[in-house]
Amino acid sequence: MEAKEYDNSGRQIKFIRGCTTVAAGEACINRGIDNITLCYKTCGTDGCNVASYASLCSISVLIPVLLTILFVLIRR
């Protein structure tokens, strides 16, 4: 998933990349109170969410797996 926030002049002020479990799609929502527009895009195609570094989502999956393996090895 990619999410971008824009101020009322259309300038991008925030970019977020992460994982999601919802169906693919895209939309923009104006928050109204502070005139910030949030646009998001989810996708399931190759190259849609490619980064040159490990995402937080992949790290959050990798750490518990490694800890589980370590725990199993220690208990033997």
PDB file of N, CA and C in Angstrom:
ATOM      1  N   MET A   1       0.836  -1.163   0.000  1.00  0.00           N
ATOM      2  CA  MET A   1       0.000   0.000   0.000  1.00  0.00           C
ATOM      3  C   MET A   1       0.885   1.231   0.000  1.00  0.00           C
ATOM      4  N   GLU A   2       0.465   2.227  -0.720  1.00  0.00           N
ATOM      5  CA  GLU A   2       1.105   3.530  -0.689  1.00  0.00           C
ATOM      6  C   GLU A   2       0.063   4.549  -0.273  1.00  0.00           C
ATOM      7  N   ALA A   3       0.427   5.448   0.613  1.00  0.00           N
ATOM      8  CA  ALA A   3      -0.470   6.526   1.019  1.00  0.00           C
ATOM      9  C   ALA A   3       0.299   7.835   0.943  1.00  0.00           C
ATOM     10  N   LYS A   4      -0.361   8.863   0.414  1.00  0.00           N
ATOM     11  CA  LYS A   4       0.251  10.181   0.294  1.00  0.00           C
ATOM     12  C   LYS A   4      -0.714  11.213   0.845  1.00  0.00           C
ATOM     13  N   GLU A   5      -0.166  12.204   1.563  1.00  0.00           N
ATOM     14  CA  GLU A   5      -0.976  13.310   2.054  1.00  0.00           C
ATOM     15  C   GLU A   5      -0.575  14.575   1.307  1.00  0.00           C
ATOM     16  N   TYR A   6      -1.585  15.365   0.945  1.00  0.00           N
ATOM     17  CA  TYR A   6      -1.369  16.609   0.222  1.00  0.00           C
ATOM     18  C   TYR A   6      -1.995  17.758   0.998  1.00  0.00           C
ATOM     19  N   ASP A   7      -1.318  18.931   1.000  1.00  0.00           N
ATOM     20  CA  ASP A   7      -1.917  20.103   1.633  1.00  0.00           C
ATOM     21  C   ASP A   7      -2.925  20.727   0.671  1.00  0.00           C
ATOM     22  N   ASN A   8      -3.565  21.838   1.089  1.00  0.00           N
ATOM     23  CA  ASN A   8      -4.638  22.414   0.274  1.00  0.00           C
ATOM     24  C   ASN A   8      -4.146  23.032  -1.031  1.00  0.00           C
ATOM     25  N   SER A   9      -2.820  23.210  -1.198  1.00  0.00           N
ATOM     26  CA  SER A   9      -2.290  23.711  -2.470  1.00  0.00           C
ATOM     27  C   SER A   9      -1.863  22.568  -3.396  1.00  0.00           C
ATOM     28  N   GLY A  10      -2.060  21.320  -2.966  1.00  0.00           N
ATOM     29  CA  GLY A  10      -1.724  20.168  -3.786  1.00  0.00           C
ATOM     30  C   GLY A  10      -0.297  19.674  -3.627  1.00  0.00           C
ATOM     31  N   ARG A  11       0.452  20.256  -2.683  1.00  0.00           N
ATOM     32  CA  ARG A  11       1.839  19.847  -2.442  1.00  0.00           C
ATOM     33  C   ARG A  11       1.853  18.612  -1.545  1.00  0.00           C
ATOM     34  N   GLN A  12       2.613  17.577  -1.958  1.00  0.00           N
ATOM     35  CA  GLN A  12       2.715  16.357  -1.154  1.00  0.00           C
ATOM     36  C   GLN A  12       3.484  16.661   0.122  1.00  0.00           C
ATOM     37  N   ILE A  13       2.904  16.291   1.275  1.00  0.00           N
ATOM     38  CA  ILE A  13       3.557  16.553   2.556  1.00  0.00           C
ATOM     39  C   ILE A  13       3.936  15.277   3.302  1.00  0.00           C
ATOM     40  N   LYS A  14       3.419  14.137   2.870  1.00  0.00           N
ATOM     41  CA  LYS A  14       3.744  12.882   3.549  1.00  0.00           C
ATOM     42  C   LYS A  14       3.608  11.718   2.576  1.00  0.00           C
ATOM     43  N   PHE A  15       4.500  10.729   2.734  1.00  0.00           N
ATOM     44  CA  PHE A  15       4.445   9.509   1.932  1.00  0.00           C
ATOM     45  C   PHE A  15       4.633   8.333   2.867  1.00  0.00           C
ATOM     46  N   ILE A  16       3.749   7.360   2.782  1.00  0.00           N
ATOM     47  CA  ILE A  16       3.812   6.185   3.645  1.00  0.00           C
ATOM     48  C   ILE A  16       3.721   4.949   2.755  1.00  0.00           C
ATOM     49  N   ARG A  17       4.579   3.969   3.011  1.00  0.00           N
ATOM     50  CA  ARG A  17       4.549   2.702   2.278  1.00  0.00           C
ATOM     51  C   ARG A  17       4.405   1.596   3.314  1.00  0.00           C
ATOM     52  N   GLY A  18       3.506   0.671   3.092  1.00  0.00           N
ATOM     53  CA  GLY A  18       3.329  -0.403   4.054  1.00  0.00           C
ATOM     54  C   GLY A  18       2.557  -1.565   3.471  1.00  0.00           C
ATOM     55  N   CYS A  19       2.093  -2.431   4.345  1.00  0.00           N
ATOM     56  CA  CYS A  19       1.342  -3.621   3.944  1.00  0.00           C
ATOM     57  C   CYS A  19      -0.127  -3.448   4.298  1.00  0.00           C
ATOM     58  N   THR A  20      -0.972  -4.122   3.564  1.00  0.00           N
ATOM     59  CA  THR A  20      -2.397  -4.084   3.841  1.00  0.00           C
ATOM     60  C   THR A  20      -3.016  -5.429   3.470  1.00  0.00           C
ATOM     61  N   THR A  21      -4.146  -5.725   4.060  1.00  0.00           N
ATOM     62  CA  THR A  21      -4.851  -6.971   3.754  1.00  0.00           C
ATOM     63  C   THR A  21      -6.151  -6.715   3.006  1.00  0.00           C
ATOM     64  N   VAL A  22      -6.408  -5.466   2.618  1.00  0.00           N
ATOM     65  CA  VAL A  22      -7.650  -5.149   1.903  1.00  0.00           C
ATOM     66  C   VAL A  22      -7.463  -5.326   0.405  1.00  0.00           C
ATOM     67  N   ALA A  23      -8.562  -5.376  -0.306  1.00  0.00           N
ATOM     68  CA  ALA A  23      -8.528  -5.571  -1.756  1.00  0.00           C
ATOM     69  C   ALA A  23      -7.870  -4.385  -2.461  1.00  0.00           C
ATOM     70  N   ALA A  24      -7.369  -4.638  -3.667  1.00  0.00           N
ATOM     71  CA  ALA A  24      -6.687  -3.599  -4.441  1.00  0.00           C
ATOM     72  C   ALA A  24      -7.653  -2.491  -4.831  1.00  0.00           C
ATOM     73  N   GLY A  25      -7.149  -1.279  -4.832  1.00  0.00           N
ATOM     74  CA  GLY A  25      -7.947  -0.130  -5.227  1.00  0.00           C
ATOM     75  C   GLY A  25      -7.213   1.156  -4.927  1.00  0.00           C
ATOM     76  N   GLU A  26      -7.829   2.287  -5.265  1.00  0.00           N
ATOM     77  CA  GLU A  26      -7.236   3.568  -4.937  1.00  0.00           C
ATOM     78  C   GLU A  26      -8.332   4.614  -4.815  1.00  0.00           C
ATOM     79  N   ALA A  27      -8.072   5.623  -3.993  1.00  0.00           N
ATOM     80  CA  ALA A  27      -9.039   6.690  -3.773  1.00  0.00           C
ATOM     81  C   ALA A  27      -8.359   7.839  -3.045  1.00  0.00           C
ATOM     82  N   CYS A  28      -9.026   8.987  -3.020  1.00  0.00           N
ATOM     83  CA  CYS A  28      -8.563  10.144  -2.256  1.00  0.00           C
ATOM     84  C   CYS A  28      -9.692  10.598  -1.347  1.00  0.00           C
ATOM     85  N   ILE A  29      -9.323  10.987  -0.133  1.00  0.00           N
ATOM     86  CA  ILE A  29     -10.295  11.419   0.865  1.00  0.00           C
ATOM     87  C   ILE A  29      -9.832  12.748   1.434  1.00  0.00           C
ATOM     88  N   ASN A  30     -10.706  13.759   1.432  1.00  0.00           N
ATOM     89  CA  ASN A  30     -10.382  15.039   2.045  1.00  0.00           C
ATOM     90  C   ASN A  30     -10.820  14.988   3.498  1.00  0.00           C
ATOM     91  N   ARG A  31      -9.860  15.219   4.414  1.00  0.00           N
ATOM     92  CA  ARG A  31     -10.175  15.136   5.840  1.00  0.00           C
ATOM     93  C   ARG A  31     -11.051  16.294   6.302  1.00  0.00           C
ATOM     94  N   GLY A  32     -11.109  17.394   5.550  1.00  0.00           N
ATOM     95  CA  GLY A  32     -12.032  18.471   5.853  1.00  0.00           C
ATOM     96  C   GLY A  32     -11.590  19.417   6.943  1.00  0.00           C
ATOM     97  N   ILE A  33     -11.258  18.910   8.107  1.00  0.00           N
ATOM     98  CA  ILE A  33     -10.919  19.752   9.251  1.00  0.00           C
ATOM     99  C   ILE A  33      -9.672  20.583   8.980  1.00  0.00           C
ATOM    100  N   ASP A  34      -8.625  19.948   8.466  1.00  0.00           N
ATOM    101  CA  ASP A  34      -7.365  20.648   8.237  1.00  0.00           C
ATOM    102  C   ASP A  34      -7.032  20.779   6.751  1.00  0.00           C
ATOM    103  N   ASN A  35      -7.998  20.520   5.874  1.00  0.00           N
ATOM    104  CA  ASN A  35      -7.811  20.609   4.423  1.00  0.00           C
ATOM    105  C   ASN A  35      -6.669  19.751   3.909  1.00  0.00           C
ATOM    106  N   ILE A  36      -6.435  18.621   4.543  1.00  0.00           N
ATOM    107  CA  ILE A  36      -5.434  17.662   4.090  1.00  0.00           C
ATOM    108  C   ILE A  36      -6.157  16.571   3.309  1.00  0.00           C
ATOM    109  N   THR A  37      -5.634  16.239   2.144  1.00  0.00           N
ATOM    110  CA  THR A  37      -6.199  15.172   1.326  1.00  0.00           C
ATOM    111  C   THR A  37      -5.309  13.945   1.436  1.00  0.00           C
ATOM    112  N   LEU A  38      -5.902  12.809   1.756  1.00  0.00           N
ATOM    113  CA  LEU A  38      -5.186  11.543   1.847  1.00  0.00           C
ATOM    114  C   LEU A  38      -5.544  10.704   0.632  1.00  0.00           C
ATOM    115  N   CYS A  39      -4.523  10.327  -0.138  1.00  0.00           N
ATOM    116  CA  CYS A  39      -4.724   9.450  -1.295  1.00  0.00           C
ATOM    117  C   CYS A  39      -4.014   8.136  -1.021  1.00  0.00           C
ATOM    118  N   TYR A  40      -4.699   7.031  -1.276  1.00  0.00           N
ATOM    119  CA  TYR A  40      -4.079   5.735  -1.051  1.00  0.00           C
ATOM    120  C   TYR A  40      -4.227   4.868  -2.291  1.00  0.00           C
ATOM    121  N   LYS A  41      -3.310   3.918  -2.412  1.00  0.00           N
ATOM    122  CA  LYS A  41      -3.324   2.980  -3.534  1.00  0.00           C
ATOM    123  C   LYS A  41      -2.880   1.629  -3.003  1.00  0.00           C
ATOM    124  N   THR A  42      -3.709   0.622  -3.158  1.00  0.00           N
ATOM    125  CA  THR A  42      -3.321  -0.741  -2.816  1.00  0.00           C
ATOM    126  C   THR A  42      -3.284  -1.536  -4.108  1.00  0.00           C
ATOM    127  N   CYS A  43      -2.416  -2.512  -4.170  1.00  0.00           N
ATOM    128  CA  CYS A  43      -2.292  -3.255  -5.417  1.00  0.00           C
ATOM    129  C   CYS A  43      -1.724  -4.638  -5.153  1.00  0.00           C
ATOM    130  N   GLY A  44      -1.912  -5.507  -6.097  1.00  0.00           N
ATOM    131  CA  GLY A  44      -1.399  -6.858  -5.974  1.00  0.00           C
ATOM    132  C   GLY A  44      -0.567  -7.266  -7.174  1.00  0.00           C
ATOM    133  N   THR A  45       0.030  -6.291  -7.846  1.00  0.00           N
ATOM    134  CA  THR A  45       0.829  -6.594  -9.028  1.00  0.00           C
ATOM    135  C   THR A  45       2.311  -6.460  -8.728  1.00  0.00           C
ATOM    136  N   ASP A  46       3.133  -7.172  -9.463  1.00  0.00           N
ATOM    137  CA  ASP A  46       4.576  -7.079  -9.294  1.00  0.00           C
ATOM    138  C   ASP A  46       5.052  -5.671  -9.613  1.00  0.00           C
ATOM    139  N   GLY A  47       5.952  -5.156  -8.784  1.00  0.00           N
ATOM    140  CA  GLY A  47       6.530  -3.843  -9.020  1.00  0.00           C
ATOM    141  C   GLY A  47       5.692  -2.690  -8.532  1.00  0.00           C
ATOM    142  N   CYS A  48       4.501  -2.955  -8.033  1.00  0.00           N
ATOM    143  CA  CYS A  48       3.624  -1.882  -7.577  1.00  0.00           C
ATOM    144  C   CYS A  48       4.174  -1.205  -6.339  1.00  0.00           C
ATOM    145  N   ASN A  49       4.752  -1.975  -5.458  1.00  0.00           N
ATOM    146  CA  ASN A  49       5.206  -1.428  -4.185  1.00  0.00           C
ATOM    147  C   ASN A  49       6.666  -1.804  -3.957  1.00  0.00           C
ATOM    148  N   VAL A  50       7.488  -1.612  -4.968  1.00  0.00           N
ATOM    149  CA  VAL A  50       8.889  -1.989  -4.896  1.00  0.00           C
ATOM    150  C   VAL A  50       9.678  -0.898  -4.185  1.00  0.00           C
ATOM    151  N   ALA A  51      10.520  -1.302  -3.261  1.00  0.00           N
ATOM    152  CA  ALA A  51      11.378  -0.357  -2.544  1.00  0.00           C
ATOM    153  C   ALA A  51      12.807  -0.870  -2.598  1.00  0.00           C
ATOM    154  N   SER A  52      13.745   0.025  -2.374  1.00  0.00           N
ATOM    155  CA  SER A  52      15.150  -0.382  -2.390  1.00  0.00           C
ATOM    156  C   SER A  52      15.626  -0.788  -1.003  1.00  0.00           C
ATOM    157  N   TYR A  53      14.715  -0.867  -0.041  1.00  0.00           N
ATOM    158  CA  TYR A  53      15.050  -1.258   1.319  1.00  0.00           C
ATOM    159  C   TYR A  53      13.933  -2.138   1.869  1.00  0.00           C
ATOM    160  N   ALA A  54      14.241  -2.874   2.910  1.00  0.00           N
ATOM    161  CA  ALA A  54      13.232  -3.748   3.522  1.00  0.00           C
ATOM    162  C   ALA A  54      12.154  -2.902   4.183  1.00  0.00           C
ATOM    163  N   SER A  55      10.916  -3.215   3.924  1.00  0.00           N
ATOM    164  CA  SER A  55       9.829  -2.456   4.531  1.00  0.00           C
ATOM    165  C   SER A  55       9.625  -2.887   5.974  1.00  0.00           C
ATOM    166  N   LEU A  56       8.969  -2.049   6.718  1.00  0.00           N
ATOM    167  CA  LEU A  56       8.674  -2.350   8.113  1.00  0.00           C
ATOM    168  C   LEU A  56       7.837  -3.615   8.220  1.00  0.00           C
ATOM    169  N   CYS A  57       6.969  -3.847   7.252  1.00  0.00           N
ATOM    170  CA  CYS A  57       6.120  -5.034   7.278  1.00  0.00           C
ATOM    171  C   CYS A  57       6.958  -6.307   7.185  1.00  0.00           C
ATOM    172  N   SER A  58       7.923  -6.331   6.275  1.00  0.00           N
ATOM    173  CA  SER A  58       8.744  -7.536   6.138  1.00  0.00           C
ATOM    174  C   SER A  58       9.610  -7.758   7.365  1.00  0.00           C
ATOM    175  N   ILE A  59      10.086  -6.677   7.968  1.00  0.00           N
ATOM    176  CA  ILE A  59      10.889  -6.797   9.185  1.00  0.00           C
ATOM    177  C   ILE A  59      10.030  -7.299  10.341  1.00  0.00           C
ATOM    178  N   SER A  60       8.786  -6.814  10.418  1.00  0.00           N
ATOM    179  CA  SER A  60       7.906  -7.246  11.506  1.00  0.00           C
ATOM    180  C   SER A  60       7.506  -8.711  11.366  1.00  0.00           C
ATOM    181  N   VAL A  61       7.614  -9.282  10.191  1.00  0.00           N
ATOM    182  CA  VAL A  61       7.371 -10.714   9.996  1.00  0.00           C
ATOM    183  C   VAL A  61       8.645 -11.501  10.274  1.00  0.00           C
ATOM    184  N   LEU A  62       9.771 -10.990   9.843  1.00  0.00           N
ATOM    185  CA  LEU A  62      11.041 -11.691   9.975  1.00  0.00           C
ATOM    186  C   LEU A  62      11.469 -11.855  11.434  1.00  0.00           C
ATOM    187  N   ILE A  63      11.318 -10.830  12.244  1.00  0.00           N
ATOM    188  CA  ILE A  63      11.769 -10.888  13.641  1.00  0.00           C
ATOM    189  C   ILE A  63      11.049 -11.980  14.432  1.00  0.00           C
ATOM    190  N   PRO A  64       9.705 -12.065  14.405  1.00  0.00           N
ATOM    191  CA  PRO A  64       9.055 -13.164  15.143  1.00  0.00           C
ATOM    192  C   PRO A  64       9.457 -14.551  14.641  1.00  0.00           C
ATOM    193  N   VAL A  65       9.672 -14.690  13.344  1.00  0.00           N
ATOM    194  CA  VAL A  65      10.103 -15.982  12.802  1.00  0.00           C
ATOM    195  C   VAL A  65      11.467 -16.354  13.364  1.00  0.00           C
ATOM    196  N   LEU A  66      12.396 -15.414  13.355  1.00  0.00           N
ATOM    197  CA  LEU A  66      13.730 -15.676  13.890  1.00  0.00           C
ATOM    198  C   LEU A  66      13.692 -15.968  15.387  1.00  0.00           C
ATOM    199  N   LEU A  67      12.871 -15.241  16.127  1.00  0.00           N
ATOM    200  CA  LEU A  67      12.750 -15.490  17.567  1.00  0.00           C
ATOM    201  C   LEU A  67      12.156 -16.867  17.845  1.00  0.00           C
ATOM    202  N   THR A  68      11.197 -17.288  17.042  1.00  0.00           N
ATOM    203  CA  THR A  68      10.605 -18.614  17.204  1.00  0.00           C
ATOM    204  C   THR A  68      11.637 -19.700  16.942  1.00  0.00           C
ATOM    205  N   ILE A  69      12.413 -19.544  15.885  1.00  0.00           N
ATOM    206  CA  ILE A  69      13.470 -20.516  15.583  1.00  0.00           C
ATOM    207  C   ILE A  69      14.475 -20.575  16.724  1.00  0.00           C
ATOM    208  N   LEU A  70      14.875 -19.420  17.227  1.00  0.00           N
ATOM    209  CA  LEU A  70      15.824 -19.362  18.336  1.00  0.00           C
ATOM    210  C   LEU A  70      15.251 -20.038  19.579  1.00  0.00           C
ATOM    211  N   PHE A  71      13.988 -19.779  19.882  1.00  0.00           N
ATOM    212  CA  PHE A  71      13.334 -20.379  21.043  1.00  0.00           C
ATOM    213  C   PHE A  71      13.300 -21.903  20.918  1.00  0.00           C
ATOM    214  N   VAL A  72      12.986 -22.405  19.724  1.00  0.00           N
ATOM    215  CA  VAL A  72      12.935 -23.855  19.501  1.00  0.00           C
ATOM    216  C   VAL A  72      14.321 -24.464  19.669  1.00  0.00           C
ATOM    217  N   LEU A  73      15.343 -23.810  19.155  1.00  0.00           N
ATOM    218  CA  LEU A  73      16.708 -24.326  19.275  1.00  0.00           C
ATOM    219  C   LEU A  73      17.191 -24.330  20.722  1.00  0.00           C
ATOM    220  N   ILE A  74      16.818 -23.325  21.490  1.00  0.00           N
ATOM    221  CA  ILE A  74      17.233 -23.248  22.897  1.00  0.00           C
ATOM    222  C   ILE A  74      16.572 -24.350  23.720  1.00  0.00           C
ATOM    223  N   ARG A  75      15.322 -24.665  23.418  1.00  0.00           N
ATOM    224  CA  ARG A  75      14.584 -25.666  24.194  1.00  0.00           C
ATOM    225  C   ARG A  75      15.056 -27.084  23.922  1.00  0.00           C
ATOM    226  N   ARG A  76      15.814 -27.313  22.877  1.00  0.00           N
ATOM    227  CA  ARG A  76      16.285 -28.672  22.548  1.00  0.00           C
ATOM    228  C   ARG A  76      17.359 -29.115  23.471  1.00  0.00           C
TER     229      ARG A  76
END
